[in-house]
Amino acid sequence: MKRTTKKKLMVFSGRAHPELAEEVAGLLGTGLVPTSAYQFANSETYIRYEESVRGCDAFVLQSHTAPINEWIMEHLIMVDALKRASAKRITVVAPFYGYARQDKKHRGREPISARLMADLFKTAGADRLICVDLHADQIQGFFDGPVDHLMALPILADHVRERYGDRQLAVVSPDAGRIKVAERWSASLGGAPLAFIHKTRRTDRPNETVANRVVGDVSGRICVLVDDMIDTGGTIVKAAEAIMADGAAGVIVAATHPILSGEAVDRLKNAPIAEVVVTNTLPLTDDKVFGSLSTLSIAPLLARAIREVFEDGSVTSMFDGHA
């Protein structure tokens, strides 16, 4: 018996961030699979694909933005629909992976929700995950299957080099735990010196730090403050204030995921920050856009990773061997 069929790539999008999915599909030279999606009267989600997906290599893109639980549920239902429609391989593409901050127990009787997320996608029928800048690297081990952990650093660093490459730079990590990421930033910016913020985080109140001081020399330098996400903006703003108080010439914030909850926009606009550089892993509504915000597209990175996976190539080669 001779097989005559060929591999077929199909890209699917949820309703959370269709603009990003359309850009990714366009770069891959294909379109999004037509999908019927709506809510029942009691808010249950319904999904149906309008063409056959049998035997395809399916890439299901959904960014977990607010309301996050609704979009995660839609993502899971999309995967389940593909599994039951006989897709050959299902890859979940989550530019922003929901619940990534709950990757370990800080106190007793807490969940590890990032692991629960991985279990849910595996149970729904996912064979593989593609994510961008997970909050913690160990989340890769939560999923029982291949995980391609993409980094936005090359995109963000190119922008910083282009605009500030002729200035004296320093790379600042918002906490000691992200020093490894800051080291990669330092290497990409020609060996810029490193510093980090020593902070005390309150365990009884989320999104709040109570003390900051700079460890390292930032005097007279443009400081690139790097993080994976900006949620309420409290941590970033306090770090920027501490850096400026320590004699820095200016602060540039580079972050992958612009969550921008609550009063984040007002805090960032009023902070001593020259520019906030983010990617479009999450959709930005008009009320979240402000003058010093620069948004870079993550679509070329996602499209290249999808192509490498589809063609059985190497995703790691995209980042000089770093996983």
C-alpha atoms as a PDB file:
ATOM      1  CA  MET A   1       0.000   0.000   0.000  1.00  0.00           C
ATOM      2  CA  LYS A   2       1.524   3.286  -1.098  1.00  0.00           C
ATOM      3  CA  ARG A   3       0.639   6.533   0.656  1.00  0.00           C
ATOM      4  CA  THR A   4       0.011   9.422  -1.734  1.00  0.00           C
ATOM      5  CA  THR A   5      -1.116  12.125   0.703  1.00  0.00           C
ATOM      6  CA  LYS A   6       1.109  15.021   1.748  1.00  0.00           C
ATOM      7  CA  LYS A   7       1.457  16.929   5.019  1.00  0.00           C
ATOM      8  CA  LYS A   8      -1.102  19.708   5.312  1.00  0.00           C
ATOM      9  CA  LEU A   9      -0.580  22.754   7.552  1.00  0.00           C
ATOM     10  CA  MET A  10      -3.697  24.460   8.891  1.00  0.00           C
ATOM     11  CA  VAL A  11      -3.824  27.501  11.180  1.00  0.00           C
ATOM     12  CA  PHE A  12      -6.739  28.096  13.542  1.00  0.00           C
ATOM     13  CA  SER A  13      -7.512  31.158  15.644  1.00  0.00           C
ATOM     14  CA  GLY A  14      -9.659  31.818  18.662  1.00  0.00           C
ATOM     15  CA  ARG A  15     -11.414  35.135  19.137  1.00  0.00           C
ATOM     16  CA  ALA A  16      -9.027  36.612  21.714  1.00  0.00           C
ATOM     17  CA  HIS A  17      -6.440  38.044  19.296  1.00  0.00           C
ATOM     18  CA  PRO A  18      -7.433  37.332  15.666  1.00  0.00           C
ATOM     19  CA  GLU A  19      -5.226  40.136  14.270  1.00  0.00           C
ATOM     20  CA  LEU A  20      -2.072  38.348  15.403  1.00  0.00           C
ATOM     21  CA  ALA A  21      -3.292  35.019  14.017  1.00  0.00           C
ATOM     22  CA  GLU A  22      -4.095  36.599  10.646  1.00  0.00           C
ATOM     23  CA  GLU A  23      -0.609  38.114  10.480  1.00  0.00           C
ATOM     24  CA  VAL A  24       0.995  34.763  11.330  1.00  0.00           C
ATOM     25  CA  ALA A  25      -1.100  32.916   8.731  1.00  0.00           C
ATOM     26  CA  GLY A  26      -0.216  35.537   6.109  1.00  0.00           C
ATOM     27  CA  LEU A  27       3.511  35.092   6.771  1.00  0.00           C
ATOM     28  CA  LEU A  28       3.041  31.328   6.353  1.00  0.00           C
ATOM     29  CA  GLY A  29       1.326  31.881   3.010  1.00  0.00           C
ATOM     30  CA  THR A  30      -2.005  30.484   4.138  1.00  0.00           C
ATOM     31  CA  GLY A  31      -5.269  31.686   5.657  1.00  0.00           C
ATOM     32  CA  LEU A  32      -7.103  30.971   8.872  1.00  0.00           C
ATOM     33  CA  VAL A  33      -9.514  28.034   8.778  1.00  0.00           C
ATOM     34  CA  PRO A  34     -13.106  29.366   8.797  1.00  0.00           C
ATOM     35  CA  THR A  35     -14.587  28.737  12.236  1.00  0.00           C
ATOM     36  CA  SER A  36     -18.023  29.175  13.768  1.00  0.00           C
ATOM     37  CA  ALA A  37     -17.740  30.352  17.364  1.00  0.00           C
ATOM     38  CA  TYR A  38     -20.391  31.767  19.629  1.00  0.00           C
ATOM     39  CA  GLN A  39     -21.808  31.745  23.138  1.00  0.00           C
ATOM     40  CA  PHE A  40     -25.003  30.044  24.250  1.00  0.00           C
ATOM     41  CA  ALA A  41     -27.395  32.061  26.402  1.00  0.00           C
ATOM     42  CA  ASN A  42     -25.763  30.715  29.566  1.00  0.00           C
ATOM     43  CA  SER A  43     -22.285  31.727  28.236  1.00  0.00           C
ATOM     44  CA  GLU A  44     -21.154  28.218  27.193  1.00  0.00           C
ATOM     45  CA  THR A  45     -18.762  28.312  24.207  1.00  0.00           C
ATOM     46  CA  TYR A  46     -19.523  26.557  20.912  1.00  0.00           C
ATOM     47  CA  ILE A  47     -16.891  25.844  18.224  1.00  0.00           C
ATOM     48  CA  ARG A  48     -17.175  24.227  14.785  1.00  0.00           C
ATOM     49  CA  TYR A  49     -14.707  24.251  11.892  1.00  0.00           C
ATOM     50  CA  GLU A  50     -16.248  24.944   8.494  1.00  0.00           C
ATOM     51  CA  GLU A  51     -13.959  22.628   6.507  1.00  0.00           C
ATOM     52  CA  SER A  52     -12.395  19.196   6.940  1.00  0.00           C
ATOM     53  CA  VAL A  53      -9.346  18.989   9.212  1.00  0.00           C
ATOM     54  CA  ARG A  54      -8.764  15.238   8.904  1.00  0.00           C
ATOM     55  CA  GLY A  55      -5.074  14.333   8.826  1.00  0.00           C
ATOM     56  CA  CYS A  56      -3.851  17.925   9.092  1.00  0.00           C
ATOM     57  CA  ASP A  57      -0.987  19.396  11.108  1.00  0.00           C
ATOM     58  CA  ALA A  58      -3.049  21.856  13.178  1.00  0.00           C
ATOM     59  CA  PHE A  59      -1.703  24.989  14.866  1.00  0.00           C
ATOM     60  CA  VAL A  60      -4.263  26.546  17.211  1.00  0.00           C
ATOM     61  CA  LEU A  61      -3.403  30.122  18.182  1.00  0.00           C
ATOM     62  CA  GLN A  62      -5.020  31.823  21.133  1.00  0.00           C
ATOM     63  CA  SER A  63      -3.487  34.433  23.433  1.00  0.00           C
ATOM     64  CA  HIS A  64      -4.793  34.249  26.987  1.00  0.00           C
ATOM     65  CA  THR A  65      -5.904  37.818  27.528  1.00  0.00           C
ATOM     66  CA  ALA A  66      -8.717  39.161  29.713  1.00  0.00           C
ATOM     67  CA  PRO A  67     -11.263  37.708  30.346  1.00  0.00           C
ATOM     68  CA  ILE A  68      -8.607  35.041  30.645  1.00  0.00           C
ATOM     69  CA  ASN A  69     -10.757  32.113  31.798  1.00  0.00           C
ATOM     70  CA  GLU A  70     -13.148  32.555  28.876  1.00  0.00           C
ATOM     71  CA  TRP A  71     -10.375  32.499  26.280  1.00  0.00           C
ATOM     72  CA  ILE A  72      -8.559  29.561  27.873  1.00  0.00           C
ATOM     73  CA  MET A  73     -11.804  27.573  27.809  1.00  0.00           C
ATOM     74  CA  GLU A  74     -12.320  28.451  24.139  1.00  0.00           C
ATOM     75  CA  HIS A  75      -8.749  27.321  23.419  1.00  0.00           C
ATOM     76  CA  LEU A  76      -9.369  23.973  25.099  1.00  0.00           C
ATOM     77  CA  ILE A  77     -12.636  23.458  23.205  1.00  0.00           C
ATOM     78  CA  MET A  78     -10.899  24.238  19.904  1.00  0.00           C
ATOM     79  CA  VAL A  79      -8.291  21.558  20.643  1.00  0.00           C
ATOM     80  CA  ASP A  80     -10.992  19.060  21.582  1.00  0.00           C
ATOM     81  CA  ALA A  81     -12.882  19.767  18.351  1.00  0.00           C
ATOM     82  CA  LEU A  82      -9.729  19.107  16.329  1.00  0.00           C
ATOM     83  CA  LYS A  83      -9.005  15.877  18.176  1.00  0.00           C
ATOM     84  CA  ARG A  84     -12.531  14.585  17.527  1.00  0.00           C
ATOM     85  CA  ALA A  85     -12.308  15.647  13.870  1.00  0.00           C
ATOM     86  CA  SER A  86      -9.181  13.475  13.353  1.00  0.00           C
ATOM     87  CA  ALA A  87      -6.452  16.107  13.046  1.00  0.00           C
ATOM     88  CA  LYS A  88      -3.151  14.242  12.838  1.00  0.00           C
ATOM     89  CA  ARG A  89      -1.138  16.517  15.164  1.00  0.00           C
ATOM     90  CA  ILE A  90      -2.372  19.417  17.287  1.00  0.00           C
ATOM     91  CA  THR A  91       0.011  22.183  18.369  1.00  0.00           C
ATOM     92  CA  VAL A  92      -1.242  24.740  20.868  1.00  0.00           C
ATOM     93  CA  VAL A  93       0.238  28.173  20.122  1.00  0.00           C
ATOM     94  CA  ALA A  94      -0.133  30.340  23.242  1.00  0.00           C
ATOM     95  CA  PRO A  95       1.881  33.563  22.835  1.00  0.00           C
ATOM     96  CA  PHE A  96       0.891  34.383  26.416  1.00  0.00           C
ATOM     97  CA  TYR A  97       0.425  31.282  28.598  1.00  0.00           C
ATOM     98  CA  GLY A  98      -2.260  31.892  31.207  1.00  0.00           C
ATOM     99  CA  TYR A  99      -1.592  31.216  34.912  1.00  0.00           C
ATOM    100  CA  ALA A 100       2.177  31.077  34.293  1.00  0.00           C
ATOM    101  CA  ARG A 101       2.867  33.046  37.483  1.00  0.00           C
ATOM    102  CA  GLN A 102       1.396  30.222  39.580  1.00  0.00           C
ATOM    103  CA  ASP A 103       4.308  27.892  38.833  1.00  0.00           C
ATOM    104  CA  LYS A 104       5.117  26.876  42.428  1.00  0.00           C
ATOM    105  CA  LYS A 105       3.771  27.017  45.973  1.00  0.00           C
ATOM    106  CA  HIS A 106       4.850  30.074  47.940  1.00  0.00           C
ATOM    107  CA  ARG A 107       2.719  29.127  50.957  1.00  0.00           C
ATOM    108  CA  GLY A 108       0.732  26.103  52.117  1.00  0.00           C
ATOM    109  CA  ARG A 109      -2.607  25.211  50.531  1.00  0.00           C
ATOM    110  CA  GLU A 110      -1.867  27.026  47.265  1.00  0.00           C
ATOM    111  CA  PRO A 111      -2.369  25.512  43.785  1.00  0.00           C
ATOM    112  CA  ILE A 112       0.222  25.118  41.051  1.00  0.00           C
ATOM    113  CA  SER A 113      -2.103  26.382  38.352  1.00  0.00           C
ATOM    114  CA  ALA A 114       0.519  26.505  35.601  1.00  0.00           C
ATOM    115  CA  ARG A 115       0.769  22.695  35.857  1.00  0.00           C
ATOM    116  CA  LEU A 116      -3.018  22.398  35.808  1.00  0.00           C
ATOM    117  CA  MET A 117      -3.054  24.378  32.547  1.00  0.00           C
ATOM    118  CA  ALA A 118      -0.595  21.958  30.965  1.00  0.00           C
ATOM    119  CA  ASP A 119      -2.668  18.977  32.116  1.00  0.00           C
ATOM    120  CA  LEU A 120      -5.845  20.508  30.672  1.00  0.00           C
ATOM    121  CA  PHE A 121      -4.305  20.987  27.229  1.00  0.00           C
ATOM    122  CA  LYS A 122      -2.877  17.466  27.247  1.00  0.00           C
ATOM    123  CA  THR A 123      -6.253  16.014  28.215  1.00  0.00           C
ATOM    124  CA  ALA A 124      -7.988  18.070  25.509  1.00  0.00           C
ATOM    125  CA  GLY A 125      -5.725  16.455  22.900  1.00  0.00           C
ATOM    126  CA  ALA A 126      -2.719  18.746  22.384  1.00  0.00           C
ATOM    127  CA  ASP A 127       0.460  17.059  21.159  1.00  0.00           C
ATOM    128  CA  ARG A 128       2.771  20.065  21.434  1.00  0.00           C
ATOM    129  CA  LEU A 129       2.975  23.582  22.897  1.00  0.00           C
ATOM    130  CA  ILE A 130       4.515  26.744  21.470  1.00  0.00           C
ATOM    131  CA  CYS A 131       4.820  29.618  23.969  1.00  0.00           C
ATOM    132  CA  VAL A 132       6.668  32.933  24.171  1.00  0.00           C
ATOM    133  CA  ASP A 133       8.699  33.967  27.230  1.00  0.00           C
ATOM    134  CA  LEU A 134       7.171  31.830  29.942  1.00  0.00           C
ATOM    135  CA  HIS A 135       7.249  33.385  33.399  1.00  0.00           C
ATOM    136  CA  ALA A 136       9.339  30.442  34.618  1.00  0.00           C
ATOM    137  CA  ASP A 137      11.386  28.028  32.500  1.00  0.00           C
ATOM    138  CA  GLN A 138      10.289  24.988  34.512  1.00  0.00           C
ATOM    139  CA  ILE A 139       6.775  25.265  33.050  1.00  0.00           C
ATOM    140  CA  GLN A 140       8.228  23.511  29.988  1.00  0.00           C
ATOM    141  CA  GLY A 141       8.422  20.376  32.131  1.00  0.00           C
ATOM    142  CA  PHE A 142       4.774  20.585  33.203  1.00  0.00           C
ATOM    143  CA  PHE A 143       3.529  19.473  29.772  1.00  0.00           C
ATOM    144  CA  ASP A 144       3.916  15.804  28.849  1.00  0.00           C
ATOM    145  CA  GLY A 145       5.213  16.386  25.340  1.00  0.00           C
ATOM    146  CA  PRO A 146       7.392  18.763  23.307  1.00  0.00           C
ATOM    147  CA  VAL A 147       7.356  22.450  24.304  1.00  0.00           C
ATOM    148  CA  ASP A 148       8.910  25.106  22.090  1.00  0.00           C
ATOM    149  CA  HIS A 149       9.784  28.057  24.324  1.00  0.00           C
ATOM    150  CA  LEU A 150      10.307  31.087  22.084  1.00  0.00           C
ATOM    151  CA  MET A 151      12.105  34.245  23.207  1.00  0.00           C
ATOM    152  CA  ALA A 152      11.177  37.775  22.156  1.00  0.00           C
ATOM    153  CA  LEU A 153      14.644  39.011  23.145  1.00  0.00           C
ATOM    154  CA  PRO A 154      16.023  39.214  19.560  1.00  0.00           C
ATOM    155  CA  ILE A 155      13.089  41.391  18.459  1.00  0.00           C
ATOM    156  CA  LEU A 156      13.221  43.673  21.501  1.00  0.00           C
ATOM    157  CA  ALA A 157      17.015  43.901  21.568  1.00  0.00           C
ATOM    158  CA  ASP A 158      17.188  44.885  17.889  1.00  0.00           C
ATOM    159  CA  HIS A 159      14.869  47.802  18.634  1.00  0.00           C
ATOM    160  CA  VAL A 160      16.930  48.910  21.646  1.00  0.00           C
ATOM    161  CA  ARG A 161      20.210  48.663  19.707  1.00  0.00           C
ATOM    162  CA  GLU A 162      18.795  50.660  16.814  1.00  0.00           C
ATOM    163  CA  ARG A 163      17.603  53.509  19.038  1.00  0.00           C
ATOM    164  CA  TYR A 164      20.119  53.548  21.890  1.00  0.00           C
ATOM    165  CA  GLY A 165      23.132  51.626  20.613  1.00  0.00           C
ATOM    166  CA  ASP A 166      25.318  54.767  20.587  1.00  0.00           C
ATOM    167  CA  ARG A 167      24.714  55.425  24.305  1.00  0.00           C
ATOM    168  CA  GLN A 168      26.253  53.877  27.416  1.00  0.00           C
ATOM    169  CA  LEU A 169      23.812  51.125  28.386  1.00  0.00           C
ATOM    170  CA  ALA A 170      23.187  48.930  31.395  1.00  0.00           C
ATOM    171  CA  VAL A 171      20.789  45.998  31.667  1.00  0.00           C
ATOM    172  CA  VAL A 172      18.670  45.830  34.811  1.00  0.00           C
ATOM    173  CA  SER A 173      16.671  42.836  35.992  1.00  0.00           C
ATOM    174  CA  PRO A 174      13.577  43.661  38.102  1.00  0.00           C
ATOM    175  CA  ASP A 175      14.539  40.882  40.527  1.00  0.00           C
ATOM    176  CA  ALA A 176      17.337  38.411  41.185  1.00  0.00           C
ATOM    177  CA  GLY A 177      15.349  35.545  39.650  1.00  0.00           C
ATOM    178  CA  ARG A 178      15.600  36.909  36.113  1.00  0.00           C
ATOM    179  CA  ILE A 179      19.354  37.446  36.077  1.00  0.00           C
ATOM    180  CA  LYS A 180      19.845  34.712  33.450  1.00  0.00           C
ATOM    181  CA  VAL A 181      17.551  36.580  31.064  1.00  0.00           C
ATOM    182  CA  ALA A 182      19.396  39.821  31.824  1.00  0.00           C
ATOM    183  CA  GLU A 183      22.697  38.081  31.009  1.00  0.00           C
ATOM    184  CA  ARG A 184      21.375  37.188  27.552  1.00  0.00           C
ATOM    185  CA  TRP A 185      20.303  40.802  27.113  1.00  0.00           C
ATOM    186  CA  SER A 186      23.777  41.943  28.144  1.00  0.00           C
ATOM    187  CA  ALA A 187      25.391  39.672  25.551  1.00  0.00           C
ATOM    188  CA  SER A 188      23.032  40.916  22.837  1.00  0.00           C
ATOM    189  CA  LEU A 189      23.862  44.544  23.696  1.00  0.00           C
ATOM    190  CA  GLY A 190      27.626  44.081  23.420  1.00  0.00           C
ATOM    191  CA  GLY A 191      28.384  43.179  27.024  1.00  0.00           C
ATOM    192  CA  ALA A 192      26.493  46.000  28.753  1.00  0.00           C
ATOM    193  CA  PRO A 193      26.960  45.839  32.558  1.00  0.00           C
ATOM    194  CA  LEU A 194      24.311  44.144  34.692  1.00  0.00           C
ATOM    195  CA  ALA A 195      22.349  45.260  37.728  1.00  0.00           C
ATOM    196  CA  PHE A 196      19.243  43.986  39.487  1.00  0.00           C
ATOM    197  CA  ILE A 197      16.570  45.266  41.838  1.00  0.00           C
ATOM    198  CA  HIS A 198      16.434  43.792  45.307  1.00  0.00           C
ATOM    199  CA  LYS A 199      12.767  43.777  46.246  1.00  0.00           C
ATOM    200  CA  THR A 200      10.511  42.460  48.966  1.00  0.00           C
ATOM    201  CA  ARG A 201       7.215  41.096  47.648  1.00  0.00           C
ATOM    202  CA  ARG A 202       4.168  40.950  49.909  1.00  0.00           C
ATOM    203  CA  THR A 203       2.811  37.407  50.237  1.00  0.00           C
ATOM    204  CA  ASP A 204      -0.594  38.576  51.467  1.00  0.00           C
ATOM    205  CA  ARG A 205      -1.302  40.931  48.534  1.00  0.00           C
ATOM    206  CA  PRO A 206      -0.684  40.081  44.850  1.00  0.00           C
ATOM    207  CA  ASN A 207       1.100  42.436  42.448  1.00  0.00           C
ATOM    208  CA  GLU A 208       2.690  44.489  45.235  1.00  0.00           C
ATOM    209  CA  THR A 209       6.287  45.035  46.294  1.00  0.00           C
ATOM    210  CA  VAL A 210       7.267  47.021  49.353  1.00  0.00           C
ATOM    211  CA  ALA A 211      10.965  47.823  48.967  1.00  0.00           C
ATOM    212  CA  ASN A 212      13.478  48.407  46.180  1.00  0.00           C
ATOM    213  CA  ARG A 213      17.191  49.089  45.904  1.00  0.00           C
ATOM    214  CA  VAL A 214      19.597  48.754  42.999  1.00  0.00           C
ATOM    215  CA  VAL A 215      22.421  46.221  43.190  1.00  0.00           C
ATOM    216  CA  GLY A 216      25.033  47.236  40.624  1.00  0.00           C
ATOM    217  CA  ASP A 217      26.354  50.440  39.055  1.00  0.00           C
ATOM    218  CA  VAL A 218      23.866  52.294  36.824  1.00  0.00           C
ATOM    219  CA  SER A 219      25.210  55.827  37.257  1.00  0.00           C
ATOM    220  CA  GLY A 220      25.151  57.880  34.057  1.00  0.00           C
ATOM    221  CA  ARG A 221      23.836  55.024  31.911  1.00  0.00           C
ATOM    222  CA  ILE A 222      20.649  54.428  29.938  1.00  0.00           C
ATOM    223  CA  CYS A 223      19.183  51.437  31.765  1.00  0.00           C
ATOM    224  CA  VAL A 224      17.235  48.768  29.915  1.00  0.00           C
ATOM    225  CA  LEU A 225      14.814  47.333  32.469  1.00  0.00           C
ATOM    226  CA  VAL A 226      13.804  43.890  31.176  1.00  0.00           C
ATOM    227  CA  ASP A 227      10.889  41.696  32.244  1.00  0.00           C
ATOM    228  CA  ASP A 228       8.548  39.088  30.802  1.00  0.00           C
ATOM    229  CA  MET A 229       5.325  40.996  31.494  1.00  0.00           C
ATOM    230  CA  ILE A 230       3.837  44.258  32.727  1.00  0.00           C
ATOM    231  CA  ASP A 231       0.606  43.670  34.632  1.00  0.00           C
ATOM    232  CA  THR A 232      -0.374  46.469  37.020  1.00  0.00           C
ATOM    233  CA  GLY A 233       2.926  48.268  36.410  1.00  0.00           C
ATOM    234  CA  GLY A 234       3.765  48.588  40.104  1.00  0.00           C
ATOM    235  CA  THR A 235       6.970  46.548  40.039  1.00  0.00           C
ATOM    236  CA  ILE A 236       8.298  48.226  36.879  1.00  0.00           C
ATOM    237  CA  VAL A 237       7.519  51.772  38.040  1.00  0.00           C
ATOM    238  CA  LYS A 238       9.113  51.279  41.470  1.00  0.00           C
ATOM    239  CA  ALA A 239      12.167  49.751  39.805  1.00  0.00           C
ATOM    240  CA  ALA A 240      12.435  52.694  37.382  1.00  0.00           C
ATOM    241  CA  GLU A 241      12.191  55.170  40.267  1.00  0.00           C
ATOM    242  CA  ALA A 242      14.920  53.310  42.171  1.00  0.00           C
ATOM    243  CA  ILE A 243      17.164  53.263  39.090  1.00  0.00           C
ATOM    244  CA  MET A 244      16.755  56.992  38.484  1.00  0.00           C
ATOM    245  CA  ALA A 245      17.364  57.734  42.176  1.00  0.00           C
ATOM    246  CA  ASP A 246      20.644  55.814  41.827  1.00  0.00           C
ATOM    247  CA  GLY A 247      21.906  58.240  39.173  1.00  0.00           C
ATOM    248  CA  ALA A 248      20.890  56.617  35.874  1.00  0.00           C
ATOM    249  CA  ALA A 249      20.672  58.820  32.768  1.00  0.00           C
ATOM    250  CA  GLY A 250      17.354  57.268  31.739  1.00  0.00           C
ATOM    251  CA  VAL A 251      15.210  54.138  31.816  1.00  0.00           C
ATOM    252  CA  ILE A 252      13.914  52.058  28.913  1.00  0.00           C
ATOM    253  CA  VAL A 253      11.478  49.256  29.732  1.00  0.00           C
ATOM    254  CA  ALA A 254      11.485  46.161  27.492  1.00  0.00           C
ATOM    255  CA  ALA A 255       8.821  43.534  28.207  1.00  0.00           C
ATOM    256  CA  THR A 256       7.229  40.806  26.120  1.00  0.00           C
ATOM    257  CA  HIS A 257       3.641  40.710  27.410  1.00  0.00           C
ATOM    258  CA  PRO A 258       1.690  43.993  27.835  1.00  0.00           C
ATOM    259  CA  ILE A 259      -1.099  42.879  30.186  1.00  0.00           C
ATOM    260  CA  LEU A 260      -1.568  46.449  31.485  1.00  0.00           C
ATOM    261  CA  SER A 261      -4.264  45.819  34.076  1.00  0.00           C
ATOM    262  CA  GLY A 262      -5.999  48.429  36.215  1.00  0.00           C
ATOM    263  CA  GLU A 263      -4.026  51.664  36.569  1.00  0.00           C
ATOM    264  CA  ALA A 264      -0.951  50.379  34.727  1.00  0.00           C
ATOM    265  CA  VAL A 265      -1.199  52.871  31.856  1.00  0.00           C
ATOM    266  CA  ASP A 266      -1.451  55.885  34.172  1.00  0.00           C
ATOM    267  CA  ARG A 267       1.447  54.611  36.275  1.00  0.00           C
ATOM    268  CA  LEU A 268       3.674  54.120  33.232  1.00  0.00           C
ATOM    269  CA  LYS A 269       2.778  57.484  31.717  1.00  0.00           C
ATOM    270  CA  ASN A 270       3.674  59.289  34.947  1.00  0.00           C
ATOM    271  CA  ALA A 271       6.829  57.264  35.675  1.00  0.00           C
ATOM    272  CA  PRO A 272      10.414  58.359  34.859  1.00  0.00           C
ATOM    273  CA  ILE A 273      10.495  56.035  31.826  1.00  0.00           C
ATOM    274  CA  ALA A 274      11.579  57.289  28.400  1.00  0.00           C
ATOM    275  CA  GLU A 275      10.099  54.373  26.404  1.00  0.00           C
ATOM    276  CA  VAL A 276       8.147  51.196  27.046  1.00  0.00           C
ATOM    277  CA  VAL A 277       8.847  48.555  24.370  1.00  0.00           C
ATOM    278  CA  VAL A 278       6.514  45.529  24.177  1.00  0.00           C
ATOM    279  CA  THR A 279       5.356  42.948  21.658  1.00  0.00           C
ATOM    280  CA  ASN A 280       1.835  42.181  20.474  1.00  0.00           C
ATOM    281  CA  THR A 281       1.521  38.787  22.191  1.00  0.00           C
ATOM    282  CA  LEU A 282      -1.591  40.326  23.779  1.00  0.00           C
ATOM    283  CA  PRO A 283      -4.092  42.658  22.069  1.00  0.00           C
ATOM    284  CA  LEU A 284      -3.885  46.324  23.033  1.00  0.00           C
ATOM    285  CA  THR A 285      -7.116  48.309  23.058  1.00  0.00           C
ATOM    286  CA  ASP A 286      -7.047  52.062  22.386  1.00  0.00           C
ATOM    287  CA  ASP A 287      -7.232  52.887  26.089  1.00  0.00           C
ATOM    288  CA  LYS A 288      -3.971  50.961  26.676  1.00  0.00           C
ATOM    289  CA  VAL A 289      -1.958  52.852  24.057  1.00  0.00           C
ATOM    290  CA  PHE A 290       0.092  55.873  25.183  1.00  0.00           C
ATOM    291  CA  GLY A 291       2.794  58.125  23.777  1.00  0.00           C
ATOM    292  CA  SER A 292       5.922  56.373  25.044  1.00  0.00           C
ATOM    293  CA  LEU A 293       4.670  52.873  24.165  1.00  0.00           C
ATOM    294  CA  SER A 294       6.275  51.056  21.204  1.00  0.00           C
ATOM    295  CA  THR A 295       4.686  47.774  20.073  1.00  0.00           C
ATOM    296  CA  LEU A 296       6.678  45.278  17.993  1.00  0.00           C
ATOM    297  CA  SER A 297       5.157  42.351  16.113  1.00  0.00           C
ATOM    298  CA  ILE A 298       5.804  38.840  17.413  1.00  0.00           C
ATOM    299  CA  ALA A 299       4.193  37.318  14.286  1.00  0.00           C
ATOM    300  CA  PRO A 300       7.455  36.701  12.341  1.00  0.00           C
ATOM    301  CA  LEU A 301       8.855  34.743  15.306  1.00  0.00           C
ATOM    302  CA  LEU A 302       5.697  32.631  15.647  1.00  0.00           C
ATOM    303  CA  ALA A 303       5.473  32.016  11.904  1.00  0.00           C
ATOM    304  CA  ARG A 304       9.088  30.864  11.708  1.00  0.00           C
ATOM    305  CA  ALA A 305       8.637  28.522  14.687  1.00  0.00           C
ATOM    306  CA  ILE A 306       5.480  27.040  13.173  1.00  0.00           C
ATOM    307  CA  ARG A 307       7.277  26.486   9.881  1.00  0.00           C
ATOM    308  CA  GLU A 308      10.212  24.774  11.646  1.00  0.00           C
ATOM    309  CA  VAL A 309       7.838  22.470  13.536  1.00  0.00           C
ATOM    310  CA  PHE A 310       5.822  21.648  10.413  1.00  0.00           C
ATOM    311  CA  GLU A 311       8.936  20.920   8.359  1.00  0.00           C
ATOM    312  CA  ASP A 312      10.601  18.952  11.190  1.00  0.00           C
ATOM    313  CA  GLY A 313      13.308  21.578  11.476  1.00  0.00           C
ATOM    314  CA  SER A 314      15.052  23.066  14.518  1.00  0.00           C
ATOM    315  CA  VAL A 315      13.338  25.705  16.664  1.00  0.00           C
ATOM    316  CA  THR A 316      16.395  25.919  18.937  1.00  0.00           C
ATOM    317  CA  SER A 317      18.511  27.118  16.001  1.00  0.00           C
ATOM    318  CA  MET A 318      16.430  30.302  15.988  1.00  0.00           C
ATOM    319  CA  PHE A 319      18.045  31.286  19.308  1.00  0.00           C
ATOM    320  CA  ASP A 320      21.660  30.165  18.814  1.00  0.00           C
ATOM    321  CA  GLY A 321      21.107  26.908  20.651  1.00  0.00           C
ATOM    322  CA  HIS A 322      19.377  28.418  23.719  1.00  0.00           C
ATOM    323  CA  ALA A 323      16.229  26.610  24.851  1.00  0.00           C
END
